[in-house]
Amino acid sequence: MGGAILNIIAVLAGSGLGLLIGSRLPARVQESVVFGLGLVTLFVGLDNARLTGNVIIPLLSVASGVIIGELVNIQAGLERLGGWLQRRFTGNTANAAATSSEMDSRTRFITGFVTASLVFCVGPLTFLGSIQDGMGLPVGFQQIAIKSALDFFASMAFATSFGVGVMFSAGTILLVQGGLALLGMGVGAALQASPFYTPMINEMTATGGLLLVGLATILLGLKQPRMANFLPALVIAPLIVAIAGALGINLYPF
């Protein structure tokens, strides 16, 4: 759990600094910062996606995952949570009588919250680092420390453009990374001893990379996909590996 706490502190500090300097930057500078983050997110996503040993696994994971996500509508749930947080902690309302500036503020808050939550919680350092940190392995905390440094600068840039909503992504980090750390404490040793551990992590990371590519299209202003609805794919990818392995199916014939 120490790694999750460090990461939360880094995001809160980075987003707080971004809020302090954000109002002093022209809109064109803020737009360029977001575009730059989009380019980096695209690169990281592509780099992670190449870890797959069989592209059919992330293909099936993404396709089936988004069907589940769309049926459950995870994106809408996150947006409702973001809207509730915005009303609860900033005092703005979003009813029929709301002014256009209030609506813009609400949209900006929700976009910052959802985007930052996805960026900070999808990636190999999140999964590997959190599980190994929960297991008490020094390498796990080291990986989360690296991630925290990256998230510090990313949260600063996001907060500069999207505002205070980015700060509330710390709660998502607590939920996701804290949960993974608890998983590491409970069954991490058994997972690591499994012969399927490495391919499961690799396929989950590769699938997460594809999600980051999708997120990059939002930051680059190319598309507005409901990326939160793709999140079930991250669970399906390692399940495919585990089930295939248990059935003796070779997913890596080449």
Protein backbone atom coordinates (compact mmCIF):
# COMPACT_ATOMS: atom_id res chain seq x y z
CA MET A 1 0.00 0.00 0.00
CA GLY A 2 2.99 2.30 0.44
CA GLY A 3 3.35 2.66 -3.31
CA ALA A 4 -0.31 3.66 -3.74
CA ILE A 5 0.02 6.30 -1.03
CA LEU A 6 3.17 7.70 -2.68
CA ASN A 7 1.39 7.84 -6.02
CA ILE A 8 -1.60 9.64 -4.52
CA ILE A 9 0.68 12.23 -2.91
CA ALA A 10 2.45 12.76 -6.24
CA VAL A 11 -0.83 13.30 -8.12
CA LEU A 12 -2.22 15.64 -5.48
CA ALA A 13 1.02 17.67 -5.45
CA GLY A 14 1.27 17.76 -9.24
CA SER A 15 -2.36 18.70 -9.83
CA GLY A 16 -2.20 21.29 -7.04
CA LEU A 17 0.81 22.90 -8.72
CA GLY A 18 -0.98 22.75 -12.06
CA LEU A 19 -3.99 24.56 -10.58
CA LEU A 20 -1.71 27.31 -9.28
CA ILE A 21 -0.04 27.96 -12.62
CA GLY A 22 -2.87 26.98 -14.96
CA SER A 23 -4.77 30.25 -14.78
CA ARG A 24 -1.63 32.13 -15.78
CA LEU A 25 -1.18 30.25 -19.03
CA PRO A 26 -2.95 31.27 -22.27
CA ALA A 27 -5.53 28.85 -23.68
CA ARG A 28 -3.32 28.06 -26.66
CA VAL A 29 -0.53 26.95 -24.31
CA GLN A 30 -2.92 24.70 -22.38
CA GLU A 31 -4.16 23.17 -25.65
CA SER A 32 -0.59 22.50 -26.75
CA VAL A 33 0.18 20.85 -23.41
CA VAL A 34 -2.77 18.47 -23.79
CA PHE A 35 -1.74 17.68 -27.37
CA GLY A 36 1.79 16.93 -26.17
CA LEU A 37 0.41 14.59 -23.52
CA GLY A 38 -1.61 12.93 -26.27
CA LEU A 39 1.54 12.26 -28.26
CA VAL A 40 3.29 10.75 -25.22
CA THR A 41 0.22 8.66 -24.36
CA LEU A 42 0.12 7.38 -27.94
CA PHE A 43 3.79 6.38 -27.78
CA VAL A 44 3.41 4.62 -24.42
CA GLY A 45 0.29 2.83 -25.61
CA LEU A 46 1.95 1.52 -28.76
CA ASP A 47 5.03 0.50 -26.77
CA ASN A 48 2.89 -1.45 -24.31
CA ALA A 49 0.76 -3.04 -27.04
CA ARG A 50 3.79 -4.70 -28.61
CA LEU A 51 4.20 -6.93 -25.52
CA THR A 52 1.46 -9.27 -26.70
CA GLY A 53 2.56 -12.70 -27.86
CA ASN A 54 -0.60 -13.21 -29.87
CA VAL A 55 -2.57 -10.23 -31.16
CA ILE A 56 -5.77 -12.30 -31.13
CA ILE A 57 -5.77 -12.14 -27.30
CA PRO A 58 -6.02 -8.32 -27.03
CA LEU A 59 -8.39 -8.39 -30.03
CA LEU A 60 -10.81 -10.73 -28.27
CA SER A 61 -10.32 -8.92 -24.97
CA VAL A 62 -11.08 -5.49 -26.40
CA ALA A 63 -14.03 -6.69 -28.48
CA SER A 64 -15.72 -8.62 -25.68
CA GLY A 65 -14.69 -6.13 -23.02
CA VAL A 66 -16.24 -3.14 -24.75
CA ILE A 67 -19.49 -5.05 -25.30
CA ILE A 68 -19.70 -5.65 -21.56
CA GLY A 69 -18.63 -2.07 -20.83
CA GLU A 70 -21.22 -0.60 -23.18
CA LEU A 71 -24.00 -2.76 -21.74
CA VAL A 72 -23.05 -1.73 -18.20
CA ASN A 73 -22.14 1.78 -19.42
CA ILE A 74 -19.10 2.29 -17.19
CA GLN A 75 -18.38 5.63 -18.86
CA ALA A 76 -21.73 7.03 -17.77
CA GLY A 77 -21.10 5.83 -14.24
CA LEU A 78 -17.73 7.57 -14.10
CA GLU A 79 -19.24 10.72 -15.57
CA ARG A 80 -22.02 10.67 -12.98
CA LEU A 81 -19.41 10.23 -10.27
CA GLY A 82 -17.41 13.11 -11.71
CA GLY A 83 -20.54 15.26 -11.87
CA TRP A 84 -21.41 14.44 -8.25
CA LEU A 85 -17.88 15.27 -7.11
CA GLN A 86 -18.00 18.53 -9.03
CA ARG A 87 -21.32 19.54 -7.44
CA ARG A 88 -20.28 18.32 -4.00
CA PHE A 89 -16.91 20.01 -3.80
CA THR A 90 -17.10 23.01 -6.14
CA GLY A 91 -20.67 24.08 -5.51
CA ASN A 92 -21.68 24.34 -9.19
CA THR A 93 -24.96 22.84 -10.33
CA ALA A 94 -25.90 21.36 -13.68
CA ASN A 95 -29.67 21.80 -14.01
CA ALA A 96 -31.78 23.37 -16.72
CA ALA A 97 -31.14 26.83 -15.31
CA ALA A 98 -27.36 26.44 -15.32
CA THR A 99 -25.42 28.99 -17.31
CA SER A 100 -23.23 27.94 -20.20
CA SER A 101 -20.14 28.73 -18.16
CA GLU A 102 -21.32 26.40 -15.39
CA MET A 103 -21.96 23.64 -17.93
CA ASP A 104 -18.51 24.20 -19.42
CA SER A 105 -17.04 23.98 -15.94
CA ARG A 106 -18.87 20.71 -15.28
CA THR A 107 -17.72 19.18 -18.58
CA ARG A 108 -14.14 20.29 -17.91
CA PHE A 109 -14.22 18.77 -14.42
CA ILE A 110 -15.61 15.44 -15.63
CA THR A 111 -13.16 15.28 -18.55
CA GLY A 112 -10.23 15.93 -16.24
CA PHE A 113 -11.40 13.35 -13.70
CA VAL A 114 -12.14 10.57 -16.20
CA THR A 115 -9.10 11.17 -18.41
CA ALA A 116 -6.64 11.40 -15.53
CA SER A 117 -8.14 8.33 -13.84
CA LEU A 118 -7.64 6.27 -16.98
CA VAL A 119 -4.12 7.53 -17.69
CA PHE A 120 -2.90 6.97 -14.13
CA CYS A 121 -4.46 3.52 -13.72
CA VAL A 122 -3.78 1.80 -17.06
CA GLY A 123 -0.25 0.60 -17.64
CA PRO A 124 2.32 -2.04 -16.73
CA LEU A 125 3.73 -0.12 -13.78
CA THR A 126 0.25 0.04 -12.26
CA PHE A 127 -0.32 -3.72 -12.40
CA LEU A 128 3.15 -5.10 -11.84
CA GLY A 129 4.28 -2.44 -9.40
CA SER A 130 1.14 -2.55 -7.26
CA ILE A 131 0.97 -6.35 -7.00
CA GLN A 132 4.68 -6.65 -6.23
CA ASP A 133 4.46 -3.77 -3.77
CA GLY A 134 1.67 -5.63 -1.99
CA MET A 135 3.91 -8.69 -1.87
CA GLY A 136 6.53 -6.61 -0.07
CA LEU A 137 9.07 -6.80 -2.92
CA PRO A 138 11.39 -3.74 -3.14
CA VAL A 139 11.18 -3.76 -6.94
CA GLY A 140 7.43 -3.15 -6.69
CA PHE A 141 7.85 0.03 -4.68
CA GLN A 142 10.63 1.15 -7.03
CA GLN A 143 8.32 0.76 -10.03
CA ILE A 144 5.54 2.73 -8.31
CA ALA A 145 8.09 5.41 -7.37
CA ILE A 146 8.99 5.79 -11.07
CA LYS A 147 5.29 5.89 -11.97
CA SER A 148 4.67 8.49 -9.27
CA ALA A 149 7.33 10.77 -10.74
CA LEU A 150 5.77 10.46 -14.19
CA ASP A 151 2.26 11.00 -12.80
CA PHE A 152 3.42 14.10 -10.93
CA PHE A 153 4.29 15.89 -14.17
CA ALA A 154 1.31 14.46 -16.04
CA SER A 155 -1.13 15.56 -13.32
CA MET A 156 0.40 19.02 -13.35
CA ALA A 157 -0.13 19.29 -17.10
CA PHE A 158 -3.65 17.85 -16.93
CA ALA A 159 -4.69 20.17 -14.09
CA THR A 160 -3.34 23.13 -16.02
CA SER A 161 -5.82 22.36 -18.80
CA PHE A 162 -8.71 20.52 -17.11
CA GLY A 163 -8.71 21.98 -13.62
CA VAL A 164 -9.53 20.52 -10.23
CA GLY A 165 -11.20 17.36 -11.56
CA VAL A 166 -7.72 15.89 -12.10
CA MET A 167 -7.06 16.05 -8.36
CA PHE A 168 -9.99 13.74 -7.65
CA SER A 169 -8.38 10.99 -9.75
CA ALA A 170 -6.37 10.30 -6.57
CA GLY A 171 -9.44 8.46 -5.33
CA THR A 172 -9.37 6.21 -8.39
CA ILE A 173 -5.68 5.50 -7.78
CA LEU A 174 -6.47 4.52 -4.20
CA LEU A 175 -9.19 2.14 -5.38
CA VAL A 176 -7.25 0.53 -8.25
CA GLN A 177 -3.67 0.46 -6.98
CA GLY A 178 -4.75 -0.16 -3.40
CA GLY A 179 -6.89 -3.07 -4.57
CA LEU A 180 -4.02 -4.52 -6.61
CA ALA A 181 -1.69 -4.15 -3.62
CA LEU A 182 -4.19 -6.03 -1.43
CA LEU A 183 -4.36 -8.69 -4.15
CA GLY A 184 -0.59 -8.94 -4.00
CA MET A 185 -0.73 -9.33 -0.23
CA GLY A 186 -3.33 -12.08 -0.50
CA VAL A 187 -2.53 -14.18 -3.54
CA GLY A 188 0.46 -12.45 -5.12
CA ALA A 189 2.92 -15.22 -4.23
CA ALA A 190 0.65 -17.86 -5.78
CA LEU A 191 0.17 -15.72 -8.90
CA GLN A 192 3.89 -15.20 -9.34
CA ALA A 193 4.55 -18.93 -8.93
CA SER A 194 2.04 -19.70 -11.69
CA PRO A 195 3.56 -20.58 -15.09
CA PHE A 196 0.98 -18.25 -16.63
CA TYR A 197 1.98 -15.21 -14.56
CA THR A 198 4.24 -13.54 -17.15
CA PRO A 199 1.96 -14.04 -20.18
CA MET A 200 -1.05 -12.92 -18.13
CA ILE A 201 0.72 -9.68 -17.19
CA ASN A 202 2.03 -9.18 -20.73
CA GLU A 203 -1.40 -9.60 -22.34
CA MET A 204 -3.04 -7.33 -19.76
CA THR A 205 -0.33 -4.74 -20.40
CA ALA A 206 -0.72 -5.03 -24.18
CA THR A 207 -4.49 -4.66 -23.92
CA GLY A 208 -4.01 -1.66 -21.65
CA GLY A 209 -1.69 -0.23 -24.30
CA LEU A 210 -4.49 -0.36 -26.85
CA LEU A 211 -6.74 1.47 -24.40
CA LEU A 212 -4.06 4.15 -24.02
CA VAL A 213 -3.95 4.53 -27.82
CA GLY A 214 -7.70 5.10 -27.75
CA LEU A 215 -7.27 7.63 -24.97
CA ALA A 216 -4.62 9.39 -27.04
CA THR A 217 -7.18 9.99 -29.79
CA ILE A 218 -9.19 12.02 -27.27
CA LEU A 219 -6.19 14.08 -26.14
CA LEU A 220 -5.18 14.67 -29.75
CA GLY A 221 -8.70 15.84 -30.62
CA LEU A 222 -9.21 13.09 -33.21
CA LYS A 223 -12.07 11.15 -31.67
CA GLN A 224 -14.21 10.97 -28.53
CA PRO A 225 -14.53 7.23 -27.78
CA ARG A 226 -16.05 6.12 -24.48
CA MET A 227 -12.77 4.62 -23.28
CA ALA A 228 -14.00 3.75 -19.79
CA ASN A 229 -16.32 1.21 -21.40
CA PHE A 230 -13.24 -0.68 -22.62
CA LEU A 231 -11.96 -1.34 -19.08
CA PRO A 232 -13.39 -4.90 -18.77
CA ALA A 233 -10.87 -5.89 -21.43
CA LEU A 234 -8.13 -5.58 -18.80
CA VAL A 235 -9.74 -8.41 -16.82
CA ILE A 236 -10.61 -10.55 -19.83
CA ALA A 237 -7.06 -10.62 -21.27
CA PRO A 238 -5.39 -12.47 -18.35
CA LEU A 239 -8.47 -14.69 -17.98
CA ILE A 240 -8.07 -15.87 -21.58
CA VAL A 241 -4.46 -16.80 -20.87
CA ALA A 242 -5.30 -18.56 -17.61
CA ILE A 243 -8.25 -20.52 -19.04
CA ALA A 244 -6.33 -21.51 -22.19
CA GLY A 245 -3.38 -22.62 -20.07
CA ALA A 246 -5.60 -24.69 -17.78
CA LEU A 247 -7.16 -26.38 -20.82
CA GLY A 248 -3.77 -27.03 -22.36
CA ILE A 249 -4.38 -24.73 -25.34
CA ASN A 250 -1.21 -23.23 -26.80
CA LEU A 251 -1.84 -19.54 -27.50
CA TYR A 252 1.70 -18.95 -28.73
CA PRO A 253 2.32 -21.45 -31.54
CA PHE A 254 4.74 -19.23 -33.42
